[in-house]
Protein backbone atom coordinates (compact mmCIF):
# COMPACT_ATOMS: atom_id res chain seq x y z
CA MET A 1 90.83 92.33 90.60
CA SER A 2 90.93 96.19 90.73
CA ASP A 3 89.82 98.05 87.68
CA LYS A 4 91.82 101.43 89.46
CA THR A 5 93.53 103.32 86.70
CA PRO A 6 97.41 102.81 87.85
CA ALA A 7 99.21 106.27 88.57
CA VAL A 8 101.46 105.90 85.60
CA LEU A 9 101.17 103.66 82.37
CA VAL A 10 103.31 103.95 79.60
CA ASP A 11 102.29 101.64 76.48
CA GLN A 12 104.88 100.67 73.82
CA ALA A 13 106.35 104.14 74.04
CA SER A 14 108.93 104.99 72.13
CA LYS A 15 111.09 107.99 71.80
CA TRP A 16 113.65 108.76 69.11
CA TYR A 17 116.12 111.89 68.47
CA GLY A 18 117.01 111.66 64.68
CA GLU A 19 118.64 108.45 64.16
CA VAL A 20 119.22 108.34 67.84
CA ILE A 21 117.02 106.24 70.69
CA GLY A 22 116.01 107.47 73.68
CA ILE A 23 113.59 104.39 74.60
CA ASN A 24 112.30 101.79 72.68
CA ASP A 25 108.96 100.00 72.77
CA VAL A 26 109.21 100.80 76.78
CA SER A 27 105.57 99.40 78.53
CA LEU A 28 105.05 99.51 82.00
CA ALA A 29 102.69 99.89 84.77
CA ILE A 30 103.20 101.98 88.49
CA ASP A 31 101.08 102.10 90.91
CA GLY A 32 101.79 102.81 94.54
CA GLY A 33 104.63 102.60 96.72
CA VAL A 34 108.41 102.83 95.72
CA THR A 35 109.83 101.83 92.16
CA GLY A 36 113.46 102.23 91.30
CA VAL A 37 114.46 103.02 87.90
CA LEU A 38 117.93 102.06 87.30
CA GLY A 39 120.19 101.70 84.60
CA PRO A 40 123.71 103.05 83.38
CA ASN A 41 123.85 106.42 81.58
CA GLY A 42 122.54 106.71 78.49
CA ALA A 43 119.80 103.74 79.39
CA GLY A 44 116.75 105.99 78.92
CA LYS A 45 115.99 107.03 82.35
CA SER A 46 115.80 110.63 81.74
CA THR A 47 113.87 110.22 78.73
CA LEU A 48 111.58 108.45 80.27
CA PHE A 49 111.00 110.89 82.93
CA LYS A 50 110.37 114.12 80.58
CA LEU A 51 107.97 111.54 78.87
CA LEU A 52 106.30 111.47 82.30
CA MET A 53 106.56 115.03 82.83
CA GLY A 54 105.29 115.96 79.55
CA ARG A 55 108.07 117.71 78.39
CA LEU A 56 108.72 115.58 75.47
CA LYS A 57 105.85 113.65 73.45
CA PRO A 58 106.43 110.07 72.32
CA SER A 59 107.53 109.23 68.76
CA GLN A 60 105.10 106.27 68.95
CA GLY A 61 103.04 104.76 71.87
CA SER A 62 101.52 106.48 74.87
CA VAL A 63 102.07 107.81 78.19
CA ARG A 64 99.13 108.52 80.83
CA LEU A 65 99.25 109.93 84.20
CA PHE A 66 96.37 108.78 86.03
CA GLY A 67 94.92 107.90 82.63
CA ILE A 68 95.24 111.35 81.08
CA ASP A 69 98.05 112.03 78.25
CA PRO A 70 100.06 115.04 80.15
CA TRP A 71 101.32 115.59 76.10
CA THR A 72 97.72 117.14 75.70
CA ASN A 73 96.46 117.95 79.19
CA THR A 74 98.13 119.58 82.36
CA ALA A 75 95.43 118.02 84.42
CA PRO A 76 97.71 115.29 85.90
CA TYR A 77 100.34 118.15 87.43
CA ARG A 78 98.20 118.79 90.36
CA ARG A 79 98.81 115.26 91.58
CA VAL A 80 102.64 115.24 90.63
CA GLY A 81 105.57 116.23 92.43
CA TYR A 82 108.72 116.14 91.15
CA VAL A 83 112.60 116.69 91.53
CA SER A 84 114.91 117.14 88.91
CA GLU A 85 118.45 116.38 89.24
CA SER A 86 119.17 119.58 87.84
CA GLU A 87 116.62 121.89 88.85
CA ARG A 88 117.71 125.61 89.50
CA MET A 89 117.20 126.97 93.08
CA TYR A 90 116.38 130.63 94.48
CA ASP A 91 119.61 130.78 96.52
CA TRP A 92 118.55 133.78 98.36
CA MET A 93 115.52 132.79 99.39
CA THR A 94 114.86 130.73 102.75
CA GLY A 95 113.77 126.95 102.84
CA LEU A 96 110.69 128.28 104.40
CA ASP A 97 110.15 130.94 101.34
CA PHE A 98 111.07 128.32 98.75
CA VAL A 99 108.45 126.08 99.83
CA THR A 100 105.67 128.54 100.76
CA THR A 101 105.73 130.21 97.52
CA LEU A 102 104.90 127.21 95.62
CA ALA A 103 102.17 126.45 97.92
CA ARG A 104 100.62 129.70 97.12
CA LEU A 105 101.20 129.04 93.42
CA HIS A 106 98.84 126.26 93.99
CA GLY A 107 96.13 128.46 95.21
CA MET A 108 96.57 128.06 98.98
CA THR A 109 96.33 130.95 101.07
CA ARG A 110 99.36 132.60 102.98
CA GLU A 111 98.30 131.07 106.50
CA GLU A 112 97.52 127.86 104.66
CA ALA A 113 100.74 127.73 102.35
CA THR A 114 103.14 128.41 105.33
CA ALA A 115 101.35 125.93 107.77
CA ARG A 116 101.56 123.21 105.02
CA ALA A 117 105.78 124.35 104.22
CA LYS A 118 106.58 123.92 107.69
CA HIS A 119 104.78 120.56 107.88
CA VAL A 120 106.77 118.74 104.57
CA LEU A 121 109.78 120.89 106.15
CA ASN A 122 109.61 119.06 109.41
CA PHE A 123 108.68 115.75 107.57
CA VAL A 124 112.00 115.81 105.57
CA GLY A 125 113.94 116.93 108.79
CA LEU A 126 114.71 120.39 107.97
CA SER A 127 112.47 122.32 110.78
CA ASP A 128 115.73 123.62 112.07
CA VAL A 129 117.27 125.34 109.23
CA GLN A 130 113.87 126.19 107.79
CA ASN A 131 114.90 130.04 108.28
CA LYS A 132 118.26 129.91 106.85
CA GLU A 133 118.96 130.86 103.10
CA VAL A 134 119.09 127.70 100.49
CA GLY A 135 122.33 129.18 99.01
CA LYS A 136 123.77 127.77 102.60
CA TYR A 137 122.47 124.50 102.66
CA SER A 138 124.33 121.64 102.20
CA LYS A 139 123.92 119.04 99.01
CA GLY A 140 121.86 116.77 101.11
CA MET A 141 119.96 119.58 102.72
CA ARG A 142 119.06 121.24 99.09
CA GLN A 143 117.64 117.88 98.13
CA ARG A 144 115.56 117.65 100.82
CA VAL A 145 114.37 121.14 100.62
CA LYS A 146 113.75 120.28 96.84
CA ILE A 147 111.77 117.29 97.96
CA ALA A 148 109.49 119.18 100.62
CA HIS A 149 109.03 121.75 97.90
CA ALA A 150 107.61 118.68 95.64
CA LEU A 151 105.46 117.72 98.38
CA VAL A 152 103.82 120.88 99.72
CA HIS A 153 100.22 120.38 97.50
CA ASP A 154 100.16 116.66 98.95
CA PRO A 155 100.56 114.88 95.45
CA ASP A 156 99.62 111.02 94.96
CA LEU A 157 102.69 110.64 92.51
CA ILE A 158 106.12 111.55 93.30
CA ILE A 159 109.14 111.57 90.66
CA LEU A 160 112.60 112.14 91.76
CA ASP A 161 115.47 111.92 89.47
CA GLU A 162 118.60 111.10 91.17
CA PRO A 163 117.77 112.27 94.44
CA LEU A 164 120.91 110.51 95.94
CA HIS A 165 123.49 112.01 93.50
CA GLY A 166 126.31 113.83 95.61
CA CYS A 167 125.16 113.33 98.92
CA ASP A 168 127.01 111.81 101.53
CA PRO A 169 126.07 108.93 103.27
CA ILE A 170 124.04 110.49 106.42
CA ALA A 171 122.22 112.76 104.02
CA ARG A 172 121.81 109.70 101.64
CA THR A 173 120.42 107.90 104.77
CA SER A 174 117.85 110.66 105.74
CA ILE A 175 116.37 111.07 102.32
CA MET A 176 116.04 107.18 101.79
CA SER A 177 114.10 107.08 105.18
CA VAL A 178 112.02 109.84 103.59
CA ILE A 179 111.38 107.69 100.54
CA ARG A 180 110.41 104.88 102.31
CA GLU A 181 107.83 106.92 104.52
CA LEU A 182 106.04 108.14 101.23
CA GLY A 183 105.93 104.57 99.99
CA SER A 184 104.50 103.10 103.30
CA GLN A 185 102.02 106.13 102.95
CA GLY A 186 100.61 104.95 99.69
CA LYS A 187 101.96 107.17 97.69
CA THR A 188 103.34 106.33 94.28
CA VAL A 189 107.00 107.22 94.29
CA ILE A 190 109.59 106.79 91.40
CA VAL A 191 112.79 107.01 92.23
CA SER A 192 115.82 107.10 89.62
CA SER A 193 119.53 106.27 90.82
CA HIS A 194 122.71 104.96 89.93
CA ILE A 195 123.40 104.24 93.40
CA LEU A 196 122.36 100.59 92.99
CA GLU A 197 122.72 99.49 96.72
CA GLU A 198 120.67 102.44 97.92
CA ILE A 199 117.96 101.69 95.61
CA GLU A 200 118.48 98.22 96.94
CA ARG A 201 117.61 99.48 100.58
CA ILE A 202 114.55 101.46 99.67
CA THR A 203 112.71 98.98 97.64
CA GLU A 204 112.40 95.73 96.12
CA GLN A 205 110.31 97.03 92.86
CA ILE A 206 112.43 97.93 90.04
CA VAL A 207 112.62 98.84 86.12
CA ILE A 208 115.84 98.37 84.69
CA LEU A 209 116.84 100.12 81.67
CA HIS A 210 119.33 99.50 79.08
CA ASN A 211 120.11 101.23 75.72
CA GLY A 212 116.10 102.64 75.59
CA ARG A 213 114.86 98.99 76.45
CA LEU A 214 112.98 97.61 79.63
CA LEU A 215 115.47 95.07 80.32
CA ALA A 216 113.54 94.10 83.40
CA LEU A 217 110.41 94.98 85.52
CA GLY A 218 109.22 93.75 88.98
CA ASN A 219 110.29 92.31 92.09
CA LEU A 220 114.23 92.43 92.53
CA HIS A 221 114.25 88.72 94.01
CA ALA A 222 111.62 87.46 91.56
CA ILE A 223 113.89 89.22 88.88
CA ARG A 224 117.20 87.42 90.21
CA GLY A 225 115.42 84.13 90.34
CA LEU A 226 114.84 84.41 86.83
CA LEU A 227 118.71 84.44 86.29
CA ASP A 228 119.36 80.72 87.34
CA LYS A 229 121.33 79.81 84.15
CA HIS A 230 123.89 82.00 85.98
CA PRO A 231 125.26 80.93 88.97
CA HIS A 232 124.71 82.32 92.55
CA ARG A 233 127.90 82.61 94.69
CA ILE A 234 127.60 82.84 98.56
CA LEU A 235 131.16 83.61 100.14
CA LEU A 236 131.78 82.39 103.64
CA THR A 237 134.77 83.66 105.63
CA CYS A 238 136.04 81.01 107.98
CA ASP A 239 138.77 79.42 109.80
CA ASP A 240 139.46 76.09 107.53
CA PRO A 241 137.53 76.92 104.05
CA ARG A 242 139.04 73.27 102.69
CA ARG A 243 137.44 71.66 105.32
CA LEU A 244 134.04 73.40 105.43
CA ALA A 245 133.86 72.81 101.54
CA SER A 246 134.17 68.97 102.14
CA GLU A 247 131.01 69.39 103.97
CA PHE A 248 129.21 71.35 101.47
CA ILE A 249 129.97 69.65 98.59
CA SER A 250 127.87 66.67 98.74
CA GLU A 251 124.25 68.87 99.68
CA ASP A 252 122.16 69.16 96.76
CA PRO A 253 121.78 72.79 96.21
CA VAL A 254 125.60 72.96 95.87
CA TYR A 255 127.03 72.08 92.37
CA GLY A 256 130.59 73.78 93.05
CA VAL A 257 132.75 74.96 95.63
CA ARG A 258 135.84 77.52 95.01
CA PHE A 259 138.42 79.02 97.10
CA PRO A 260 139.10 82.73 95.94
CA ASP A 261 142.43 84.36 96.44
CA ASP A 262 142.05 85.67 99.78
CA GLU A 263 142.83 83.04 102.42
CA GLY A 264 140.19 81.78 104.63
CA GLN A 265 137.40 81.87 102.41
CA LEU A 266 135.24 79.53 100.54
CA GLU A 267 132.75 80.33 97.58
CA ILE A 268 129.88 78.35 97.21
CA GLN A 269 128.34 77.75 93.89
CA THR A 270 124.41 76.88 93.49
CA ASN A 271 121.43 77.40 91.63
CA ASP A 272 119.01 77.74 94.35
CA LEU A 273 120.16 80.48 96.36
CA SER A 274 117.00 79.80 98.96
CA ALA A 275 117.92 75.93 99.10
CA ALA A 276 121.55 76.90 99.72
CA HIS A 277 120.47 79.48 102.40
CA ALA A 278 118.39 77.08 104.54
CA ILE A 279 120.97 74.19 104.65
CA LEU A 280 123.86 76.82 105.82
CA PRO A 281 123.23 77.00 109.57
CA ARG A 282 122.86 73.01 110.10
CA VAL A 283 126.43 72.56 107.83
CA ILE A 284 128.26 75.55 109.36
CA VAL A 285 127.09 74.08 112.83
CA ASP A 286 127.64 70.20 112.32
CA SER A 287 131.10 71.04 110.94
CA GLY A 288 132.23 73.04 113.88
CA ILE A 289 134.03 75.17 111.90
CA ASP A 290 133.86 79.35 113.18
CA VAL A 291 132.51 81.02 110.32
CA SER A 292 133.02 84.86 110.90
CA ALA A 293 130.96 86.19 107.47
CA ILE A 294 128.42 85.42 104.79
CA GLU A 295 128.04 87.75 102.24
CA ASN A 296 126.18 87.19 98.39
CA PRO A 297 128.36 89.02 95.77
CA ASP A 298 125.38 88.31 93.03
CA ASP A 299 122.73 89.11 95.33
CA ASN A 300 122.69 92.94 94.86
CA LEU A 301 121.43 95.21 92.02
CA GLU A 302 125.11 96.18 90.12
CA SER A 303 125.40 92.23 89.68
CA LEU A 304 121.91 91.78 88.65
CA LEU A 305 122.52 94.39 86.20
CA GLY A 306 125.61 93.19 85.05
CA TYR A 307 124.08 89.46 83.76
CA LEU A 308 120.76 91.40 81.97
CA ILE A 309 123.13 93.14 80.48
CA GLY A 310 125.62 90.89 79.50
CA GLY A 311 123.11 87.83 78.91
CA ASP A 312 120.62 89.81 76.57
CA SER A 313 122.62 90.86 74.28
């Protein structure tokens, strides 16, 4: 087993604002790849990020970046890139100037800074507009130039606060591609978002916060598998749902069937989603019934969050 110090280590950390709880007794370790931090408004995501960035001191417990307390020592920030949701920008600067300026602040020569800025702007897909003023960028372009800004010093840990917020679908796809690529390079990337389906497309490694508490931590499907007390549903759209139901009801993984309001749909209920999916092709082919769509309405992060919050109290 590796003794390597994780990029992020939070140990029984709590932060209180008077009688208001920001986070409460949160412990987690994150190192390598992309981790999504999820939760509704007020869950504690912003407080957690402020603790990681040394902007708040824990009321109790500890926070470490690369083994160092960011509240007392700024050394870790040479290895951290941070994109704030509400960060103001210098709209009169070009994208290239904006990124080059930070590179210079990190001690690079003018030539090194310009070369590095051009490299990261190309990485986020902004080479063609690098000489355009940031104030004329779209929301998605502004988010990408902020990511380039955070990457210019080649950090090991990248913290992205709501990077998909307010972006159109094309911009979201572009930003998600950048985030996935950073994770594949071995960087530690922490992303918060309310857009749960997009996080699901970026990573399966998730942290779920609710009312300041750590609700779940780990692999999406592993967490989903812990919820067997809640039925999993498979929704089939087909020509003859009642006849198809009669084919499925005798199968071991299936404990119930239901016919939703939409005609032409069959809902299969199971406590073993993998086993149910394993039998689907055989039963459908043997039945001879045309199935046009198969959906898993419970196997997404929004449903998962609802189950955890609803069943946790």
